[in-house]
Amino acid sequence: WVRINLIKERPEMFMKGDSVRPGILVLVNDCDWELCGGHDTELEEK
């Protein structure tokens, strides 16, 4: 969704394949996404 709706310039700098590029830290509610389940992390309202 982010790639389609928010990234306006150079999407290759944000994503590689179906994931973020190496070197981009992803936090869900201040927790590293790798500890939350990575790509399969289920998001909740807010």
All heavy atoms as atom14 arrays in JSON, in Angstrom:
{
  "sequence": "WVRINLIKERPEMFMKGDSVRPGILVLVNDCDWELCGGHDTELEEK",
  "atom14_mask": [
    [1, 1, 1, 1, 1, 1, 1, 1, 1, 1, 1, 1, 1, 1],
    [1, 1, 1, 1, 1, 1, 1, 0, 0, 0, 0, 0, 0, 0],
    [1, 1, 1, 1, 1, 1, 1, 1, 1, 1, 1, 0, 0, 0],
    [1, 1, 1, 1, 1, 1, 1, 1, 0, 0, 0, 0, 0, 0],
    [1, 1, 1, 1, 1, 1, 1, 1, 0, 0, 0, 0, 0, 0],
    [1, 1, 1, 1, 1, 1, 1, 1, 0, 0, 0, 0, 0, 0],
    [1, 1, 1, 1, 1, 1, 1, 1, 0, 0, 0, 0, 0, 0],
    [1, 1, 1, 1, 1, 1, 1, 1, 1, 0, 0, 0, 0, 0],
    [1, 1, 1, 1, 1, 1, 1, 1, 1, 0, 0, 0, 0, 0],
    [1, 1, 1, 1, 1, 1, 1, 1, 1, 1, 1, 0, 0, 0],
    [1, 1, 1, 1, 1, 1, 1, 0, 0, 0, 0, 0, 0, 0],
    [1, 1, 1, 1, 1, 1, 1, 1, 1, 0, 0, 0, 0, 0],
    [1, 1, 1, 1, 1, 1, 1, 1, 0, 0, 0, 0, 0, 0],
    [1, 1, 1, 1, 1, 1, 1, 1, 1, 1, 1, 0, 0, 0],
    [1, 1, 1, 1, 1, 1, 1, 1, 0, 0, 0, 0, 0, 0],
    [1, 1, 1, 1, 1, 1, 1, 1, 1, 0, 0, 0, 0, 0],
    [1, 1, 1, 1, 0, 0, 0, 0, 0, 0, 0, 0, 0, 0],
    [1, 1, 1, 1, 1, 1, 1, 1, 0, 0, 0, 0, 0, 0],
    [1, 1, 1, 1, 1, 1, 0, 0, 0, 0, 0, 0, 0, 0],
    [1, 1, 1, 1, 1, 1, 1, 0, 0, 0, 0, 0, 0, 0],
    [1, 1, 1, 1, 1, 1, 1, 1, 1, 1, 1, 0, 0, 0],
    [1, 1, 1, 1, 1, 1, 1, 0, 0, 0, 0, 0, 0, 0],
    [1, 1, 1, 1, 0, 0, 0, 0, 0, 0, 0, 0, 0, 0],
    [1, 1, 1, 1, 1, 1, 1, 1, 0, 0, 0, 0, 0, 0],
    [1, 1, 1, 1, 1, 1, 1, 1, 0, 0, 0, 0, 0, 0],
    [1, 1, 1, 1, 1, 1, 1, 0, 0, 0, 0, 0, 0, 0],
    [1, 1, 1, 1, 1, 1, 1, 1, 0, 0, 0, 0, 0, 0],
    [1, 1, 1, 1, 1, 1, 1, 0, 0, 0, 0, 0, 0, 0],
    [1, 1, 1, 1, 1, 1, 1, 1, 0, 0, 0, 0, 0, 0],
    [1, 1, 1, 1, 1, 1, 1, 1, 0, 0, 0, 0, 0, 0],
    [1, 1, 1, 1, 1, 1, 0, 0, 0, 0, 0, 0, 0, 0],
    [1, 1, 1, 1, 1, 1, 1, 1, 0, 0, 0, 0, 0, 0],
    [1, 1, 1, 1, 1, 1, 1, 1, 1, 1, 1, 1, 1, 1],
    [1, 1, 1, 1, 1, 1, 1, 1, 1, 0, 0, 0, 0, 0],
    [1, 1, 1, 1, 1, 1, 1, 1, 0, 0, 0, 0, 0, 0],
    [1, 1, 1, 1, 1, 1, 0, 0, 0, 0, 0, 0, 0, 0],
    [1, 1, 1, 1, 0, 0, 0, 0, 0, 0, 0, 0, 0, 0],
    [1, 1, 1, 1, 0, 0, 0, 0, 0, 0, 0, 0, 0, 0],
    [1, 1, 1, 1, 1, 1, 1, 1, 1, 1, 0, 0, 0, 0],
    [1, 1, 1, 1, 1, 1, 1, 1, 0, 0, 0, 0, 0, 0],
    [1, 1, 1, 1, 1, 1, 1, 0, 0, 0, 0, 0, 0, 0],
    [1, 1, 1, 1, 1, 1, 1, 1, 1, 0, 0, 0, 0, 0],
    [1, 1, 1, 1, 1, 1, 1, 1, 0, 0, 0, 0, 0, 0],
    [1, 1, 1, 1, 1, 1, 1, 1, 1, 0, 0, 0, 0, 0],
    [1, 1, 1, 1, 1, 1, 1, 1, 1, 0, 0, 0, 0, 0],
    [1, 1, 1, 1, 1, 1, 1, 1, 1, 0, 0, 0, 0, 0]
  ],
  "atom14_positions": [
    [[0.83, -1.21, 0.0], [0.0, 0.0, 0.0], [0.86, 1.26, 0.0], [0.6, 2.21, -0.72], [-0.93, -0.01, 1.22], [-1.92, 1.09, 1.22], [-3.19, 1.06, 0.71], [-1.75, 2.41, 1.75], [-3.8, 2.28, 0.89], [-2.93, 3.12, 1.53], [-0.69, 3.05, 2.39], [-3.09, 4.44, 1.92], [-0.84, 4.37, 2.79], [-2.04, 5.05, 2.55]],
    [[1.93, 1.26, 0.82], [2.83, 2.41, 0.9], [3.48, 2.66, -0.44], [3.57, 3.8, -0.9], [3.89, 2.21, 2.01], [5.01, 3.22, 1.9], [3.24, 2.28, 3.39], [0.0, 0.0, 0.0], [0.0, 0.0, 0.0], [0.0, 0.0, 0.0], [0.0, 0.0, 0.0], [0.0, 0.0, 0.0], [0.0, 0.0, 0.0], [0.0, 0.0, 0.0]],
    [[3.94, 1.6, -1.11], [4.6, 1.76, -2.41], [3.66, 2.42, -3.42], [4.05, 3.31, -4.14], [5.06, 0.42, -2.96], [5.74, 0.56, -4.31], [5.98, -0.75, -4.99], [6.84, -1.61, -4.2], [7.68, -2.47, -4.73], [7.8, -2.58, -6.02], [8.4, -3.24, -3.96], [0.0, 0.0, 0.0], [0.0, 0.0, 0.0], [0.0, 0.0, 0.0]],
    [[2.41, 2.02, -3.41], [1.44, 2.53, -4.37], [0.95, 3.93, -4.01], [0.81, 4.8, -4.88], [0.24, 1.57, -4.49], [0.69, 0.26, -5.11], [-0.9, 2.19, -5.29], [-0.33, -0.86, -4.98], [0.0, 0.0, 0.0], [0.0, 0.0, 0.0], [0.0, 0.0, 0.0], [0.0, 0.0, 0.0], [0.0, 0.0, 0.0], [0.0, 0.0, 0.0]],
    [[0.7, 4.18, -2.73], [0.0, 5.4, -2.31], [0.86, 6.52, -1.73], [0.45, 7.67, -1.77], [-1.08, 5.04, -1.29], [-2.15, 4.19, -1.9], [-3.01, 4.67, -2.61], [-2.1, 2.89, -1.63], [0.0, 0.0, 0.0], [0.0, 0.0, 0.0], [0.0, 0.0, 0.0], [0.0, 0.0, 0.0], [0.0, 0.0, 0.0], [0.0, 0.0, 0.0]],
    [[2.02, 6.2, -1.18], [2.81, 7.25, -0.52], [4.13, 7.57, -1.18], [4.54, 8.72, -1.21], [3.07, 6.88, 0.95], [1.89, 6.91, 1.89], [2.35, 6.6, 3.31], [1.18, 8.25, 1.86], [0.0, 0.0, 0.0], [0.0, 0.0, 0.0], [0.0, 0.0, 0.0], [0.0, 0.0, 0.0], [0.0, 0.0, 0.0], [0.0, 0.0, 0.0]],
    [[4.82, 6.56, -1.68], [6.15, 6.79, -2.25], [5.98, 7.47, -3.61], [5.46, 6.88, -4.55], [6.93, 5.47, -2.4], [7.06, 4.77, -1.06], [8.3, 5.73, -3.04], [7.86, 5.48, -0.03], [0.0, 0.0, 0.0], [0.0, 0.0, 0.0], [0.0, 0.0, 0.0], [0.0, 0.0, 0.0], [0.0, 0.0, 0.0], [0.0, 0.0, 0.0]],
    [[6.42, 8.72, -3.67], [6.24, 9.5, -4.9], [7.48, 9.52, -5.77], [7.41, 9.78, -6.96], [5.85, 10.95, -4.54], [4.58, 11.05, -3.72], [3.4, 10.47, -4.46], [2.13, 10.59, -3.63], [1.02, 9.87, -4.19], [0.0, 0.0, 0.0], [0.0, 0.0, 0.0], [0.0, 0.0, 0.0], [0.0, 0.0, 0.0], [0.0, 0.0, 0.0]],
    [[8.64, 9.27, -5.18], [9.89, 9.3, -5.92], [10.74, 8.09, -5.56], [10.76, 7.67, -4.42], [10.69, 10.57, -5.58], [10.0, 11.85, -5.95], [10.85, 13.06, -5.57], [12.08, 12.93, -5.53], [10.26, 14.11, -5.32], [0.0, 0.0, 0.0], [0.0, 0.0, 0.0], [0.0, 0.0, 0.0], [0.0, 0.0, 0.0], [0.0, 0.0, 0.0]],
    [[11.4, 7.54, -6.53], [12.4, 6.49, -6.36], [11.98, 5.37, -5.4], [12.6, 5.15, -4.36], [13.72, 7.1, -5.92], [14.2, 8.16, -6.92], [15.51, 8.71, -6.58], [16.51, 7.65, -6.7], [17.78, 7.81, -6.41], [18.22, 8.96, -6.0], [18.62, 6.81, -6.53], [0.0, 0.0, 0.0], [0.0, 0.0, 0.0], [0.0, 0.0, 0.0]],
    [[10.92, 4.64, -5.74], [10.48, 3.55, -4.85], [11.55, 2.49, -4.61], [11.53, 1.81, -3.59], [9.26, 2.97, -5.58], [9.4, 3.42, -6.99], [10.14, 4.72, -6.96], [0.0, 0.0, 0.0], [0.0, 0.0, 0.0], [0.0, 0.0, 0.0], [0.0, 0.0, 0.0], [0.0, 0.0, 0.0], [0.0, 0.0, 0.0], [0.0, 0.0, 0.0]],
    [[12.5, 2.37, -5.53], [13.57, 1.39, -5.36], [14.48, 1.73, -4.18], [15.21, 0.88, -3.69], [14.4, 1.26, -6.65], [15.25, 2.46, -6.99], [14.53, 3.61, -7.7], [13.31, 3.52, -7.91], [15.21, 4.59, -8.03], [0.0, 0.0, 0.0], [0.0, 0.0, 0.0], [0.0, 0.0, 0.0], [0.0, 0.0, 0.0], [0.0, 0.0, 0.0]],
    [[14.42, 2.97, -3.69], [15.2, 3.35, -2.52], [14.52, 2.91, -1.22], [15.13, 2.89, -0.17], [15.41, 4.87, -2.48], [16.2, 5.41, -3.65], [17.85, 4.74, -3.76], [18.6, 5.43, -2.32], [0.0, 0.0, 0.0], [0.0, 0.0, 0.0], [0.0, 0.0, 0.0], [0.0, 0.0, 0.0], [0.0, 0.0, 0.0], [0.0, 0.0, 0.0]],
    [[13.24, 2.55, -1.32], [12.48, 2.12, -0.15], [12.27, 0.61, -0.13], [12.38, -0.02, 0.91], [11.12, 2.84, -0.12], [10.26, 2.47, 1.06], [10.61, 2.87, 2.33], [9.1, 1.75, 0.88], [9.82, 2.54, 3.43], [8.29, 1.41, 1.96], [8.66, 1.8, 3.23], [0.0, 0.0, 0.0], [0.0, 0.0, 0.0], [0.0, 0.0, 0.0]],
    [[11.97, 0.05, -1.31], [11.64, -1.37, -1.36], [12.53, -2.13, -2.33], [12.98, -1.58, -3.34], [10.18, -1.57, -1.74], [9.23, -1.08, -0.67], [7.52, -1.54, -0.96], [7.58, -3.29, -0.72], [0.0, 0.0, 0.0], [0.0, 0.0, 0.0], [0.0, 0.0, 0.0], [0.0, 0.0, 0.0], [0.0, 0.0, 0.0], [0.0, 0.0, 0.0]],
    [[12.73, -3.38, -2.01], [13.42, -4.32, -2.89], [12.57, -5.57, -2.91], [12.41, -6.23, -1.88], [14.82, -4.62, -2.36], [15.63, -5.51, -3.26], [17.03, -5.67, -2.73], [17.85, -6.51, -3.7], [19.22, -6.66, -3.23], [0.0, 0.0, 0.0], [0.0, 0.0, 0.0], [0.0, 0.0, 0.0], [0.0, 0.0, 0.0], [0.0, 0.0, 0.0]],
    [[11.97, -5.86, -4.06], [11.01, -6.96, -4.14], [9.77, -6.6, -3.35], [9.22, -5.52, -3.51], [0.0, 0.0, 0.0], [0.0, 0.0, 0.0], [0.0, 0.0, 0.0], [0.0, 0.0, 0.0], [0.0, 0.0, 0.0], [0.0, 0.0, 0.0], [0.0, 0.0, 0.0], [0.0, 0.0, 0.0], [0.0, 0.0, 0.0], [0.0, 0.0, 0.0]],
    [[9.36, -7.49, -2.45], [8.16, -7.21, -1.64], [8.5, -6.81, -0.2], [7.66, -6.84, 0.68], [7.22, -8.42, -1.64], [7.8, -9.62, -0.9], [9.01, -9.62, -0.63], [7.05, -10.56, -0.62], [0.0, 0.0, 0.0], [0.0, 0.0, 0.0], [0.0, 0.0, 0.0], [0.0, 0.0, 0.0], [0.0, 0.0, 0.0], [0.0, 0.0, 0.0]],
    [[9.75, -6.4, 0.02], [10.18, -6.01, 1.36], [10.89, -4.66, 1.32], [11.17, -4.14, 0.24], [11.12, -7.07, 1.94], [11.39, -6.78, 3.31], [0.0, 0.0, 0.0], [0.0, 0.0, 0.0], [0.0, 0.0, 0.0], [0.0, 0.0, 0.0], [0.0, 0.0, 0.0], [0.0, 0.0, 0.0], [0.0, 0.0, 0.0], [0.0, 0.0, 0.0]],
    [[11.19, -4.12, 2.49], [11.99, -2.9, 2.54], [13.43, -3.26, 2.18], [13.86, -4.4, 2.35], [11.93, -2.22, 3.92], [10.55, -1.68, 4.2], [12.38, -3.14, 5.03], [0.0, 0.0, 0.0], [0.0, 0.0, 0.0], [0.0, 0.0, 0.0], [0.0, 0.0, 0.0], [0.0, 0.0, 0.0], [0.0, 0.0, 0.0], [0.0, 0.0, 0.0]],
    [[14.16, -2.27, 1.7], [15.57, -2.5, 1.37], [16.37, -2.78, 2.64], [16.01, -2.32, 3.72], [16.14, -1.27, 0.68], [15.59, -1.03, -0.71], [16.35, 0.05, -1.43], [17.73, -0.33, -1.72], [18.1, -1.15, -2.7], [17.2, -1.69, -3.49], [19.37, -1.43, -2.89], [0.0, 0.0, 0.0], [0.0, 0.0, 0.0], [0.0, 0.0, 0.0]],
    [[17.46, -3.51, 2.5], [18.35, -3.69, 3.65], [18.8, -2.32, 4.15], [19.03, -1.4, 3.36], [19.54, -4.46, 3.07], [18.98, -5.16, 1.86], [17.92, -4.24, 1.31], [0.0, 0.0, 0.0], [0.0, 0.0, 0.0], [0.0, 0.0, 0.0], [0.0, 0.0, 0.0], [0.0, 0.0, 0.0], [0.0, 0.0, 0.0], [0.0, 0.0, 0.0]],
    [[18.88, -2.16, 5.46], [19.28, -0.88, 6.03], [18.11, -0.02, 6.45], [18.31, 1.08, 6.97], [0.0, 0.0, 0.0], [0.0, 0.0, 0.0], [0.0, 0.0, 0.0], [0.0, 0.0, 0.0], [0.0, 0.0, 0.0], [0.0, 0.0, 0.0], [0.0, 0.0, 0.0], [0.0, 0.0, 0.0], [0.0, 0.0, 0.0], [0.0, 0.0, 0.0]],
    [[16.88, -0.5, 6.25], [15.71, 0.23, 6.71], [15.13, -0.5, 7.92], [14.76, -1.67, 7.83], [14.64, 0.39, 5.61], [15.2, 1.26, 4.48], [13.36, 1.01, 6.18], [14.27, 1.48, 3.33], [0.0, 0.0, 0.0], [0.0, 0.0, 0.0], [0.0, 0.0, 0.0], [0.0, 0.0, 0.0], [0.0, 0.0, 0.0], [0.0, 0.0, 0.0]],
    [[15.11, 0.2, 9.03], [14.57, -0.34, 10.27], [13.06, -0.1, 10.29], [12.61, 1.0, 9.98], [15.23, 0.37, 11.47], [14.76, 0.0, 12.86], [15.09, -1.46, 13.16], [15.44, 0.9, 13.88], [0.0, 0.0, 0.0], [0.0, 0.0, 0.0], [0.0, 0.0, 0.0], [0.0, 0.0, 0.0], [0.0, 0.0, 0.0], [0.0, 0.0, 0.0]],
    [[12.3, -1.13, 10.63], [10.85, -1.02, 10.7], [10.43, -1.3, 12.14], [10.78, -2.34, 12.7], [10.14, -2.01, 9.74], [8.63, -1.85, 9.83], [10.62, -1.82, 8.31], [0.0, 0.0, 0.0], [0.0, 0.0, 0.0], [0.0, 0.0, 0.0], [0.0, 0.0, 0.0], [0.0, 0.0, 0.0], [0.0, 0.0, 0.0], [0.0, 0.0, 0.0]],
    [[9.71, -0.35, 12.72], [9.21, -0.5, 14.08], [7.69, -0.46, 14.08], [7.09, 0.38, 13.41], [9.73, 0.63, 14.97], [11.24, 0.81, 15.05], [11.57, 2.07, 15.84], [11.89, -0.4, 15.68], [0.0, 0.0, 0.0], [0.0, 0.0, 0.0], [0.0, 0.0, 0.0], [0.0, 0.0, 0.0], [0.0, 0.0, 0.0], [0.0, 0.0, 0.0]],
    [[7.08, -1.37, 14.82], [5.63, -1.37, 15.0], [5.39, -1.1, 16.48], [5.77, -1.91, 17.33], [5.0, -2.72, 14.59], [3.5, -2.71, 14.83], [5.32, -3.04, 13.13], [0.0, 0.0, 0.0], [0.0, 0.0, 0.0], [0.0, 0.0, 0.0], [0.0, 0.0, 0.0], [0.0, 0.0, 0.0], [0.0, 0.0, 0.0], [0.0, 0.0, 0.0]],
    [[4.81, 0.05, 16.77], [4.6, 0.47, 18.16], [5.9, 0.36, 18.97], [5.94, -0.2, 20.06], [3.47, -0.34, 18.81], [2.17, -0.17, 18.08], [1.85, 0.91, 17.59], [1.41, -1.24, 17.96], [0.0, 0.0, 0.0], [0.0, 0.0, 0.0], [0.0, 0.0, 0.0], [0.0, 0.0, 0.0], [0.0, 0.0, 0.0], [0.0, 0.0, 0.0]],
    [[6.98, 0.88, 18.39], [8.32, 0.94, 18.99], [8.99, -0.43, 19.17], [9.97, -0.55, 19.9], [8.29, 1.67, 20.35], [7.92, 3.14, 20.19], [8.32, 3.74, 19.17], [7.24, 3.66, 21.08], [0.0, 0.0, 0.0], [0.0, 0.0, 0.0], [0.0, 0.0, 0.0], [0.0, 0.0, 0.0], [0.0, 0.0, 0.0], [0.0, 0.0, 0.0]],
    [[8.48, -1.45, 18.5], [9.09, -2.79, 18.57], [9.59, -3.18, 17.17], [8.87, -3.01, 16.19], [8.06, -3.8, 19.06], [8.71, -5.47, 19.21], [0.0, 0.0, 0.0], [0.0, 0.0, 0.0], [0.0, 0.0, 0.0], [0.0, 0.0, 0.0], [0.0, 0.0, 0.0], [0.0, 0.0, 0.0], [0.0, 0.0, 0.0], [0.0, 0.0, 0.0]],
    [[10.81, -3.69, 17.1], [11.39, -4.12, 15.83], [10.48, -5.16, 15.17], [10.08, -6.13, 15.81], [12.77, -4.72, 16.07], [13.55, -5.0, 14.8], [12.94, -5.44, 13.81], [14.77, -4.79, 14.81], [0.0, 0.0, 0.0], [0.0, 0.0, 0.0], [0.0, 0.0, 0.0], [0.0, 0.0, 0.0], [0.0, 0.0, 0.0], [0.0, 0.0, 0.0]],
    [[10.15, -4.95, 13.91], [9.22, -5.84, 13.23], [9.72, -7.28, 13.18], [8.93, -8.21, 13.08], [8.87, -5.31, 11.85], [9.93, -5.43, 10.78], [11.27, -5.28, 10.9], [9.69, -5.72, 9.41], [11.89, -5.44, 9.7], [10.94, -5.72, 8.76], [8.56, -5.98, 8.66], [11.08, -5.96, 7.39], [8.71, -6.21, 7.3], [9.95, -6.21, 6.68]],
    [[11.03, -7.49, 13.23], [11.57, -8.85, 13.22], [11.15, -9.6, 14.48], [11.0, -10.82, 14.46], [13.1, -8.82, 13.12], [13.62, -8.22, 11.83], [13.33, -9.08, 10.61], [13.14, -10.31, 10.76], [13.29, -8.53, 9.5], [0.0, 0.0, 0.0], [0.0, 0.0, 0.0], [0.0, 0.0, 0.0], [0.0, 0.0, 0.0], [0.0, 0.0, 0.0]],
    [[10.95, -8.89, 15.58], [10.51, -9.51, 16.82], [9.0, -9.71, 16.87], [8.5, -10.49, 17.67], [10.95, -8.67, 18.03], [12.46, -8.44, 18.16], [12.74, -7.48, 19.31], [13.18, -9.75, 18.35], [0.0, 0.0, 0.0], [0.0, 0.0, 0.0], [0.0, 0.0, 0.0], [0.0, 0.0, 0.0], [0.0, 0.0, 0.0], [0.0, 0.0, 0.0]],
    [[8.29, -8.98, 16.01], [6.82, -9.04, 15.99], [6.28, -10.07, 15.0], [5.09, -10.35, 15.01], [6.25, -7.68, 15.62], [6.65, -6.37, 16.75], [0.0, 0.0, 0.0], [0.0, 0.0, 0.0], [0.0, 0.0, 0.0], [0.0, 0.0, 0.0], [0.0, 0.0, 0.0], [0.0, 0.0, 0.0], [0.0, 0.0, 0.0], [0.0, 0.0, 0.0]],
    [[7.12, -10.55, 14.1], [6.65, -11.5, 13.1], [6.99, -11.11, 11.68], [6.54, -11.75, 10.74], [0.0, 0.0, 0.0], [0.0, 0.0, 0.0], [0.0, 0.0, 0.0], [0.0, 0.0, 0.0], [0.0, 0.0, 0.0], [0.0, 0.0, 0.0], [0.0, 0.0, 0.0], [0.0, 0.0, 0.0], [0.0, 0.0, 0.0], [0.0, 0.0, 0.0]],
    [[7.78, -10.06, 11.5], [8.21, -9.65, 10.16], [7.05, -9.3, 9.26], [6.12, -8.61, 9.67], [0.0, 0.0, 0.0], [0.0, 0.0, 0.0], [0.0, 0.0, 0.0], [0.0, 0.0, 0.0], [0.0, 0.0, 0.0], [0.0, 0.0, 0.0], [0.0, 0.0, 0.0], [0.0, 0.0, 0.0], [0.0, 0.0, 0.0], [0.0, 0.0, 0.0]],
    [[7.08, -9.79, 8.04], [6.04, -9.49, 7.05], [4.65, -9.91, 7.49], [3.66, -9.35, 7.06], [6.36, -10.19, 5.71], [7.49, -9.57, 4.98], [8.76, -10.08, 5.05], [7.55, -8.5, 4.18], [9.55, -9.35, 4.31], [8.84, -8.37, 3.77], [0.0, 0.0, 0.0], [0.0, 0.0, 0.0], [0.0, 0.0, 0.0], [0.0, 0.0, 0.0]],
    [[4.59, -10.94, 8.32], [3.29, -11.48, 8.73], [2.71, -10.82, 9.97], [1.66, -11.23, 10.46], [3.41, -13.0, 8.95], [3.81, -13.72, 7.68], [3.35, -13.31, 6.6], [4.62, -14.67, 7.75], [0.0, 0.0, 0.0], [0.0, 0.0, 0.0], [0.0, 0.0, 0.0], [0.0, 0.0, 0.0], [0.0, 0.0, 0.0], [0.0, 0.0, 0.0]],
    [[3.38, -9.78, 10.47], [2.87, -9.05, 11.62], [1.49, -8.49, 11.32], [1.3, -7.81, 10.31], [3.82, -7.88, 11.99], [5.11, -8.41, 12.27], [3.29, -7.1, 13.18], [0.0, 0.0, 0.0], [0.0, 0.0, 0.0], [0.0, 0.0, 0.0], [0.0, 0.0, 0.0], [0.0, 0.0, 0.0], [0.0, 0.0, 0.0], [0.0, 0.0, 0.0]],
    [[0.52, -8.81, 12.16], [-0.84, -8.28, 11.97], [-0.95, -6.93, 12.63], [-0.62, -6.77, 13.81], [-1.87, -9.25, 12.53], [-1.98, -10.52, 11.72], [-3.08, -11.44, 12.21], [-3.94, -11.0, 13.01], [-3.07, -12.6, 11.79], [0.0, 0.0, 0.0], [0.0, 0.0, 0.0], [0.0, 0.0, 0.0], [0.0, 0.0, 0.0], [0.0, 0.0, 0.0]],
    [[-1.42, -5.96, 11.88], [-1.59, -4.61, 12.39], [-2.98, -4.42, 12.96], [-3.92, -5.09, 12.54], [-1.32, -3.6, 11.27], [0.1, -3.67, 10.68], [0.2, -2.81, 9.44], [1.12, -3.27, 11.71], [0.0, 0.0, 0.0], [0.0, 0.0, 0.0], [0.0, 0.0, 0.0], [0.0, 0.0, 0.0], [0.0, 0.0, 0.0], [0.0, 0.0, 0.0]],
    [[-3.08, -3.5, 13.9], [-4.36, -3.2, 14.54], [-4.63, -1.7, 14.43], [-3.73, -0.91, 14.2], [-4.33, -3.62, 16.01], [-4.14, -5.11, 16.2], [-4.09, -5.52, 17.66], [-4.24, -4.64, 18.53], [-3.89, -6.72, 17.92], [0.0, 0.0, 0.0], [0.0, 0.0, 0.0], [0.0, 0.0, 0.0], [0.0, 0.0, 0.0], [0.0, 0.0, 0.0]],
    [[-5.89, -1.35, 14.63], [-6.31, 0.05, 14.6], [-5.4, 0.9, 15.49], [-5.06, 0.5, 16.6], [-7.76, 0.14, 15.09], [-8.38, 1.49, 14.96], [-8.82, 1.81, 13.53], [-9.04, 0.88, 12.73], [-8.94, 3.0, 13.24], [0.0, 0.0, 0.0], [0.0, 0.0, 0.0], [0.0, 0.0, 0.0], [0.0, 0.0, 0.0], [0.0, 0.0, 0.0]],
    [[-4.98, 2.04, 14.96], [-4.17, 3.05, 15.66], [-2.73, 2.62, 15.91], [-2.02, 3.27, 16.7], [-4.84, 3.48, 16.97], [-6.18, 4.14, 16.76], [-6.76, 4.63, 18.05], [-8.13, 5.28, 17.8], [-8.76, 5.71, 19.04], [0.0, 0.0, 0.0], [0.0, 0.0, 0.0], [0.0, 0.0, 0.0], [0.0, 0.0, 0.0], [0.0, 0.0, 0.0]]
  ]
}
